[in-house]
C-alpha atoms as a PDB file:
ATOM      1  CA  MET A   1      83.396 -29.205  39.019  1.00  0.00           C
ATOM      2  CA  THR A   2      79.694 -29.752  38.889  1.00  0.00           C
ATOM      3  CA  GLU A   3      77.979 -32.127  36.394  1.00  0.00           C
ATOM      4  CA  PRO A   4      76.940 -30.158  33.237  1.00  0.00           C
ATOM      5  CA  GLN A   5      72.765 -30.008  33.804  1.00  0.00           C
ATOM      6  CA  PRO A   6      71.613 -31.271  30.332  1.00  0.00           C
ATOM      7  CA  ALA A   7      69.302 -28.692  28.669  1.00  0.00           C
ATOM      8  CA  PRO A   8      65.604 -28.629  28.853  1.00  0.00           C
ATOM      9  CA  HIS A   9      63.476 -30.468  25.844  1.00  0.00           C
ATOM     10  CA  TYR A  10      61.472 -28.030  24.567  1.00  0.00           C
ATOM     11  CA  GLN A  11      57.576 -28.224  25.440  1.00  0.00           C
ATOM     12  CA  ARG A  12      55.363 -26.611  23.408  1.00  0.00           C
ATOM     13  CA  PRO A  13      52.678 -24.308  25.119  1.00  0.00           C
ATOM     14  CA  PRO A  14      49.181 -26.205  25.711  1.00  0.00           C
ATOM     15  CA  GLN A  15      47.060 -25.792  22.796  1.00  0.00           C
ATOM     16  CA  PRO A  16      43.536 -25.158  22.988  1.00  0.00           C
ATOM     17  CA  ALA A  17      40.847 -27.786  22.440  1.00  0.00           C
ATOM     18  CA  PRO A  18      39.234 -27.684  18.417  1.00  0.00           C
ATOM     19  CA  HIS A  19      36.216 -25.489  18.562  1.00  0.00           C
ATOM     20  CA  TYR A  20      34.161 -28.990  18.123  1.00  0.00           C
ATOM     21  CA  GLN A  21      35.379 -30.010  21.994  1.00  0.00           C
ATOM     22  CA  GLN A  22      34.473 -26.852  23.006  1.00  0.00           C
ATOM     23  CA  PRO A  23      31.980 -26.575  26.106  1.00  0.00           C
ATOM     24  CA  PRO A  24      29.451 -24.343  25.011  1.00  0.00           C
ATOM     25  CA  GLN A  25      29.295 -20.810  25.665  1.00  0.00           C
ATOM     26  CA  PRO A  26      26.445 -18.590  26.483  1.00  0.00           C
ATOM     27  CA  ALA A  27      24.810 -17.308  24.152  1.00  0.00           C
ATOM     28  CA  PRO A  28      25.092 -13.344  24.043  1.00  0.00           C
ATOM     29  CA  GLN A  29      22.925 -10.781  25.429  1.00  0.00           C
ATOM     30  CA  TYR A  30      21.026  -8.689  23.478  1.00  0.00           C
ATOM     31  CA  GLN A  31      22.069  -5.133  24.062  1.00  0.00           C
ATOM     32  CA  GLN A  32      20.293  -1.889  23.110  1.00  0.00           C
ATOM     33  CA  PRO A  33      22.231   0.574  20.488  1.00  0.00           C
ATOM     34  CA  PRO A  34      23.153   3.694  21.718  1.00  0.00           C
ATOM     35  CA  PRO A  35      20.626   6.001  21.874  1.00  0.00           C
ATOM     36  CA  ASP A  36      22.317   8.004  18.781  1.00  0.00           C
ATOM     37  CA  GLN A  37      22.218   5.431  16.703  1.00  0.00           C
ATOM     38  CA  GLN A  38      18.539   4.400  15.371  1.00  0.00           C
ATOM     39  CA  ALA A  39      16.974   0.995  15.024  1.00  0.00           C
ATOM     40  CA  PRO A  40      16.465  -0.158  11.463  1.00  0.00           C
ATOM     41  CA  HIS A  41      12.555   0.402  10.416  1.00  0.00           C
ATOM     42  CA  TYR A  42      11.143  -2.814  10.937  1.00  0.00           C
ATOM     43  CA  GLN A  43      12.563  -2.675  14.867  1.00  0.00           C
ATOM     44  CA  ARG A  44      11.111   0.970  15.186  1.00  0.00           C
ATOM     45  CA  PRO A  45       7.393   0.992  16.699  1.00  0.00           C
ATOM     46  CA  ALA A  46       4.434   1.791  14.040  1.00  0.00           C
ATOM     47  CA  GLN A  47       3.789   5.774  14.300  1.00  0.00           C
ATOM     48  CA  ALA A  48       0.884   7.832  13.388  1.00  0.00           C
ATOM     49  CA  ALA A  49       0.757   9.018   9.893  1.00  0.00           C
ATOM     50  CA  PRO A  50       2.710  12.268   9.569  1.00  0.00           C
ATOM     51  CA  HIS A  51       0.937  15.160   9.534  1.00  0.00           C
ATOM     52  CA  TYR A  52       0.300  16.025   5.739  1.00  0.00           C
ATOM     53  CA  GLN A  53      -1.053  12.720   5.222  1.00  0.00           C
ATOM     54  CA  GLN A  54      -3.804  12.927   7.713  1.00  0.00           C
ATOM     55  CA  VAL A  55      -6.963  14.060   6.017  1.00  0.00           C
ATOM     56  CA  SER A  56      -8.739  16.848   7.639  1.00  0.00           C
ATOM     57  CA  ASP A  57     -13.106  17.118   8.403  1.00  0.00           C
ATOM     58  CA  GLU A  58     -13.401  19.875   6.205  1.00  0.00           C
ATOM     59  CA  GLN A  59     -11.195  17.720   3.088  1.00  0.00           C
ATOM     60  CA  ARG A  60     -13.709  14.787   3.981  1.00  0.00           C
ATOM     61  CA  ARG A  61     -16.616  16.797   3.973  1.00  0.00           C
ATOM     62  CA  ILE A  62     -15.207  18.339   0.339  1.00  0.00           C
ATOM     63  CA  TRP A  63     -15.186  14.933  -1.035  1.00  0.00           C
ATOM     64  CA  ASP A  64     -18.224  13.503  -0.044  1.00  0.00           C
ATOM     65  CA  THR A  65     -20.075  17.017  -1.345  1.00  0.00           C
ATOM     66  CA  LYS A  66     -17.769  15.500  -5.254  1.00  0.00           C
ATOM     67  CA  GLY A  67     -18.645  12.487  -5.122  1.00  0.00           C
ATOM     68  CA  LYS A  68     -22.439  12.770  -4.107  1.00  0.00           C
ATOM     69  CA  ARG A  69     -22.506  15.651  -7.209  1.00  0.00           C
ATOM     70  CA  GLY A  70     -20.150  13.568  -9.254  1.00  0.00           C
ATOM     71  CA  MET A  71     -23.419  10.291  -9.074  1.00  0.00           C
ATOM     72  CA  GLY A  72     -25.425  12.797 -10.142  1.00  0.00           C
ATOM     73  CA  PHE A  73     -24.186  13.929 -13.163  1.00  0.00           C
ATOM     74  CA  GLY A  74     -22.734  10.530 -13.929  1.00  0.00           C
ATOM     75  CA  ALA A  75     -26.569   9.480 -13.397  1.00  0.00           C
ATOM     76  CA  ALA A  76     -27.892  12.116 -15.539  1.00  0.00           C
ATOM     77  CA  TRP A  77     -25.598  11.614 -18.251  1.00  0.00           C
ATOM     78  CA  PHE A  78     -26.291   7.945 -18.633  1.00  0.00           C
ATOM     79  CA  LEU A  79     -30.104   8.197 -18.381  1.00  0.00           C
ATOM     80  CA  GLY A  80     -29.569  11.138 -21.291  1.00  0.00           C
ATOM     81  CA  GLY A  81     -27.394   8.705 -23.664  1.00  0.00           C
ATOM     82  CA  LEU A  82     -30.128   5.644 -22.764  1.00  0.00           C
ATOM     83  CA  LEU A  83     -33.301   7.905 -23.314  1.00  0.00           C
ATOM     84  CA  LEU A  84     -31.839   9.054 -26.585  1.00  0.00           C
ATOM     85  CA  THR A  85     -31.146   5.927 -27.986  1.00  0.00           C
ATOM     86  CA  LEU A  86     -34.861   4.673 -27.059  1.00  0.00           C
ATOM     87  CA  ILE A  87     -36.495   7.257 -28.575  1.00  0.00           C
ATOM     88  CA  THR A  88     -34.640   7.296 -31.295  1.00  0.00           C
ATOM     89  CA  TYR A  89     -34.802   3.340 -31.635  1.00  0.00           C
ATOM     90  CA  SER A  90     -38.608   3.423 -31.140  1.00  0.00           C
ATOM     91  CA  ASN A  91     -39.185   5.910 -34.001  1.00  0.00           C
ATOM     92  CA  ALA A  92     -36.822   3.816 -36.438  1.00  0.00           C
ATOM     93  CA  SER A  93     -38.618   0.922 -35.421  1.00  0.00           C
ATOM     94  CA  GLY A  94     -42.120   2.167 -36.630  1.00  0.00           C
ATOM     95  CA  PRO A  95     -43.929   1.015 -40.211  1.00  0.00           C
ATOM     96  CA  GLY A  96     -41.635   3.725 -42.145  1.00  0.00           C
ATOM     97  CA  GLY A  97     -38.559   1.927 -40.939  1.00  0.00           C
ATOM     98  CA  GLY A  98     -35.437   4.453 -40.624  1.00  0.00           C
ATOM     99  CA  VAL A  99     -32.274   5.311 -38.105  1.00  0.00           C
ATOM    100  CA  TYR A 100     -31.366   5.330 -35.014  1.00  0.00           C
ATOM    101  CA  VAL A 101     -28.822   6.469 -32.399  1.00  0.00           C
ATOM    102  CA  VAL A 102     -26.683   4.387 -30.294  1.00  0.00           C
ATOM    103  CA  ALA A 103     -25.647   6.626 -27.650  1.00  0.00           C
ATOM    104  CA  TRP A 104     -22.275   5.160 -26.295  1.00  0.00           C
ATOM    105  CA  GLY A 105     -20.451   8.201 -25.751  1.00  0.00           C
ATOM    106  CA  PRO A 106     -23.281   9.913 -23.276  1.00  0.00           C
ATOM    107  CA  MET A 107     -23.673   6.444 -21.451  1.00  0.00           C
ATOM    108  CA  LEU A 108     -19.910   5.749 -21.029  1.00  0.00           C
ATOM    109  CA  TYR A 109     -18.833   9.420 -19.975  1.00  0.00           C
ATOM    110  CA  GLY A 110     -21.582   8.755 -16.958  1.00  0.00           C
ATOM    111  CA  ALA A 111     -20.618   5.578 -16.311  1.00  0.00           C
ATOM    112  CA  TYR A 112     -17.238   6.735 -15.391  1.00  0.00           C
ATOM    113  CA  ARG A 113     -18.653   9.809 -13.051  1.00  0.00           C
ATOM    114  CA  LEU A 114     -20.896   7.477 -11.847  1.00  0.00           C
ATOM    115  CA  ILE A 115     -17.669   5.261 -10.434  1.00  0.00           C
ATOM    116  CA  SER A 116     -15.606   7.770  -9.747  1.00  0.00           C
ATOM    117  CA  GLY A 117     -18.474  10.050  -7.992  1.00  0.00           C
ATOM    118  CA  TYR A 118     -18.658   6.593  -5.984  1.00  0.00           C
ATOM    119  CA  LEU A 119     -15.077   5.961  -5.240  1.00  0.00           C
ATOM    120  CA  MET A 120     -14.856   9.658  -4.470  1.00  0.00           C
ATOM    121  CA  PHE A 121     -17.476   8.919  -1.702  1.00  0.00           C
ATOM    122  CA  LYS A 122     -16.228   5.978  -0.349  1.00  0.00           C
ATOM    123  CA  LYS A 123     -12.585   7.832   0.218  1.00  0.00           C
ATOM    124  CA  SER A 124     -14.603  10.083   1.936  1.00  0.00           C
ATOM    125  CA  GLN A 125     -16.136   7.860   4.474  1.00  0.00           C
ATOM    126  CA  GLN A 126     -12.768   6.085   5.962  1.00  0.00           C
END
């Protein structure tokens, strides 16, 4: 008879080295997303403004006309209020004295129209 063979010892399979002992792996290459997936908004190229945000030449002419007209009416209201104030003040400061009117309402409205007209005029120039 043959001699019985000794039982083989269990051997562990080789273990991979820990991650800090692994050789460095090359960085993965960036792949373009499939055409059916869109890139995030910050990676897309800038596009022209949509058609509903574009301003026509006709609209610019309208803003230009309204701006100039607004500045003209604003100046008229402001000067009218200032003139009324100065006339009543000069009459009240005479030898007989009297009451004078400070027309701050028309001057305030005139200043508002001047500023809003100027802003609209500037908007037409952009």
